[in-house]
Amino acid sequence: MRTYIGNHQALNDVEFEELALGFDTLPLGIDRDLFRGPLTPESPEERAARLDVSREVIADLAAQGEGGDEVAAWDALYADALTRTVPFLRAARSAGRFAGTEEAA
């Protein structure tokens, strides 16, 4: 039996998880780290610079969308939604619930 995620065949369990959960795949044209932030800590200066650039990109995409580019309009909505998310691994690390970082009860 063959297993497909989208149009990709998963040859083993690890590949299935990567394809199903999207570990290594990014949507074309959108850099998720620019909008949601990286998985690793960033300095306040890096965060401010990243947020400034992401706001400019969202504004450009929204303007293109208003000019009739439907894909740019959807990309602007997606990018804007990413600015209000926190990567799961970063949230788990900060909560102390990642890979053996929990305190013993």
C-alpha atoms as a PDB file:
ATOM      1  CA  MET A   1       0.000   0.000   0.000  1.00  0.00           C
ATOM      2  CA  ARG A   2       1.317   3.457  -0.880  1.00  0.00           C
ATOM      3  CA  THR A   3       0.838   6.566   1.203  1.00  0.00           C
ATOM      4  CA  TYR A   4       0.630  10.027  -0.357  1.00  0.00           C
ATOM      5  CA  ILE A   5       0.563  13.441   1.262  1.00  0.00           C
ATOM      6  CA  GLY A   6      -0.500  15.903  -1.415  1.00  0.00           C
ATOM      7  CA  ASN A   7       1.331  14.712  -4.505  1.00  0.00           C
ATOM      8  CA  HIS A   8       4.337  13.295  -2.585  1.00  0.00           C
ATOM      9  CA  GLN A   9       4.735   9.617  -1.753  1.00  0.00           C
ATOM     10  CA  ALA A  10       5.838   8.905   1.831  1.00  0.00           C
ATOM     11  CA  LEU A  11       8.283   6.011   1.754  1.00  0.00           C
ATOM     12  CA  ASN A  12       8.670   5.584   5.533  1.00  0.00           C
ATOM     13  CA  ASP A  13       7.286   6.833   8.861  1.00  0.00           C
ATOM     14  CA  VAL A  14       9.752   9.719   9.160  1.00  0.00           C
ATOM     15  CA  GLU A  15       8.986  10.960   5.660  1.00  0.00           C
ATOM     16  CA  PHE A  16       5.258  10.661   6.370  1.00  0.00           C
ATOM     17  CA  GLU A  17       5.596  12.856   9.480  1.00  0.00           C
ATOM     18  CA  GLU A  18       7.694  15.430   7.632  1.00  0.00           C
ATOM     19  CA  LEU A  19       5.175  15.648   4.798  1.00  0.00           C
ATOM     20  CA  ALA A  20       2.083  15.550   7.014  1.00  0.00           C
ATOM     21  CA  LEU A  21       3.343  18.078   9.557  1.00  0.00           C
ATOM     22  CA  GLY A  22       5.240  20.250   7.099  1.00  0.00           C
ATOM     23  CA  PHE A  23       8.605  20.241   8.859  1.00  0.00           C
ATOM     24  CA  ASP A  24      10.672  20.996   5.780  1.00  0.00           C
ATOM     25  CA  THR A  25       8.143  22.429   3.357  1.00  0.00           C
ATOM     26  CA  LEU A  26       7.323  26.097   2.954  1.00  0.00           C
ATOM     27  CA  PRO A  27       4.651  27.631   0.769  1.00  0.00           C
ATOM     28  CA  LEU A  28       6.136  29.226  -2.308  1.00  0.00           C
ATOM     29  CA  GLY A  29       6.821  32.912  -1.901  1.00  0.00           C
ATOM     30  CA  ILE A  30       6.224  33.143   1.857  1.00  0.00           C
ATOM     31  CA  ASP A  31       9.004  32.966   4.458  1.00  0.00           C
ATOM     32  CA  ARG A  32       7.152  31.964   7.619  1.00  0.00           C
ATOM     33  CA  ASP A  33      10.036  32.978   9.902  1.00  0.00           C
ATOM     34  CA  LEU A  34       9.787  36.567   8.660  1.00  0.00           C
ATOM     35  CA  PHE A  35       6.203  36.836   9.883  1.00  0.00           C
ATOM     36  CA  ARG A  36       5.951  34.527  12.890  1.00  0.00           C
ATOM     37  CA  GLY A  37       9.526  34.760  14.125  1.00  0.00           C
ATOM     38  CA  PRO A  38      12.321  32.195  14.188  1.00  0.00           C
ATOM     39  CA  LEU A  39      12.326  29.066  16.342  1.00  0.00           C
ATOM     40  CA  THR A  40      15.450  30.323  18.126  1.00  0.00           C
ATOM     41  CA  PRO A  41      15.561  33.374  20.409  1.00  0.00           C
ATOM     42  CA  GLU A  42      16.119  36.745  18.751  1.00  0.00           C
ATOM     43  CA  SER A  43      17.374  40.009  20.185  1.00  0.00           C
ATOM     44  CA  PRO A  44      14.981  42.960  20.599  1.00  0.00           C
ATOM     45  CA  GLU A  45      16.774  44.738  17.732  1.00  0.00           C
ATOM     46  CA  GLU A  46      16.425  41.725  15.433  1.00  0.00           C
ATOM     47  CA  ARG A  47      12.753  41.398  16.361  1.00  0.00           C
ATOM     48  CA  ALA A  48      12.078  45.088  15.663  1.00  0.00           C
ATOM     49  CA  ALA A  49      13.828  44.885  12.282  1.00  0.00           C
ATOM     50  CA  ARG A  50      11.968  41.683  11.353  1.00  0.00           C
ATOM     51  CA  LEU A  51       8.610  43.186  12.305  1.00  0.00           C
ATOM     52  CA  ASP A  52       9.318  46.361  10.304  1.00  0.00           C
ATOM     53  CA  VAL A  53      10.159  44.343   7.201  1.00  0.00           C
ATOM     54  CA  SER A  54       7.172  42.029   7.653  1.00  0.00           C
ATOM     55  CA  ARG A  55       4.801  45.021   7.924  1.00  0.00           C
ATOM     56  CA  GLU A  56       6.220  46.460   4.692  1.00  0.00           C
ATOM     57  CA  VAL A  57       5.852  43.124   2.881  1.00  0.00           C
ATOM     58  CA  ILE A  58       2.255  42.720   4.085  1.00  0.00           C
ATOM     59  CA  ALA A  59       1.451  46.277   2.976  1.00  0.00           C
ATOM     60  CA  ASP A  60       2.986  45.611  -0.460  1.00  0.00           C
ATOM     61  CA  LEU A  61       1.061  42.350  -0.831  1.00  0.00           C
ATOM     62  CA  ALA A  62      -2.184  44.030   0.256  1.00  0.00           C
ATOM     63  CA  ALA A  63      -1.625  46.832  -2.275  1.00  0.00           C
ATOM     64  CA  GLN A  64      -1.033  44.272  -5.019  1.00  0.00           C
ATOM     65  CA  GLY A  65      -4.206  42.502  -3.920  1.00  0.00           C
ATOM     66  CA  GLU A  66      -6.190  45.720  -4.136  1.00  0.00           C
ATOM     67  CA  GLY A  67      -4.758  46.140  -7.647  1.00  0.00           C
ATOM     68  CA  GLY A  68      -6.348  42.858  -8.702  1.00  0.00           C
ATOM     69  CA  ASP A  69      -3.716  40.229  -7.820  1.00  0.00           C
ATOM     70  CA  GLU A  70      -5.794  37.621  -5.980  1.00  0.00           C
ATOM     71  CA  VAL A  71      -2.766  35.486  -5.017  1.00  0.00           C
ATOM     72  CA  ALA A  72      -1.048  38.493  -3.426  1.00  0.00           C
ATOM     73  CA  ALA A  73      -4.234  39.280  -1.508  1.00  0.00           C
ATOM     74  CA  TRP A  74      -4.359  35.731  -0.090  1.00  0.00           C
ATOM     75  CA  ASP A  75      -0.629  35.863   0.684  1.00  0.00           C
ATOM     76  CA  ALA A  76      -1.182  39.124   2.591  1.00  0.00           C
ATOM     77  CA  LEU A  77      -3.914  37.498   4.677  1.00  0.00           C
ATOM     78  CA  TYR A  78      -1.748  34.419   5.353  1.00  0.00           C
ATOM     79  CA  ALA A  79       1.302  36.516   6.279  1.00  0.00           C
ATOM     80  CA  ASP A  80      -0.788  38.739   8.554  1.00  0.00           C
ATOM     81  CA  ALA A  81      -2.192  35.674  10.332  1.00  0.00           C
ATOM     82  CA  LEU A  82       1.353  34.333  10.832  1.00  0.00           C
ATOM     83  CA  THR A  83       2.293  37.510  12.715  1.00  0.00           C
ATOM     84  CA  ARG A  84      -0.112  36.424  15.457  1.00  0.00           C
ATOM     85  CA  THR A  85       1.226  32.889  15.859  1.00  0.00           C
ATOM     86  CA  VAL A  86       4.009  31.374  17.921  1.00  0.00           C
ATOM     87  CA  PRO A  87       5.848  28.339  16.610  1.00  0.00           C
ATOM     88  CA  PHE A  88       4.868  25.304  18.664  1.00  0.00           C
ATOM     89  CA  LEU A  89       8.435  24.317  19.513  1.00  0.00           C
ATOM     90  CA  ARG A  90       9.328  27.804  20.753  1.00  0.00           C
ATOM     91  CA  ALA A  91       6.172  27.957  22.875  1.00  0.00           C
ATOM     92  CA  ALA A  92       6.890  24.513  24.314  1.00  0.00           C
ATOM     93  CA  ARG A  93      10.472  25.468  25.158  1.00  0.00           C
ATOM     94  CA  SER A  94       9.435  28.683  26.888  1.00  0.00           C
ATOM     95  CA  ALA A  95       6.842  26.756  28.897  1.00  0.00           C
ATOM     96  CA  GLY A  96       9.535  24.258  29.928  1.00  0.00           C
ATOM     97  CA  ARG A  97       7.748  21.339  28.305  1.00  0.00           C
ATOM     98  CA  PHE A  98      10.159  20.243  25.637  1.00  0.00           C
ATOM     99  CA  ALA A  99      12.348  17.149  25.441  1.00  0.00           C
ATOM    100  CA  GLY A 100      13.093  16.515  29.072  1.00  0.00           C
ATOM    101  CA  THR A 101      13.004  20.104  30.284  1.00  0.00           C
ATOM    102  CA  GLU A 102      10.004  19.499  32.543  1.00  0.00           C
ATOM    103  CA  GLU A 103      10.794  19.605  36.203  1.00  0.00           C
ATOM    104  CA  ALA A 104      10.286  16.406  38.121  1.00  0.00           C
ATOM    105  CA  ALA A 105       7.150  16.446  40.239  1.00  0.00           C
END
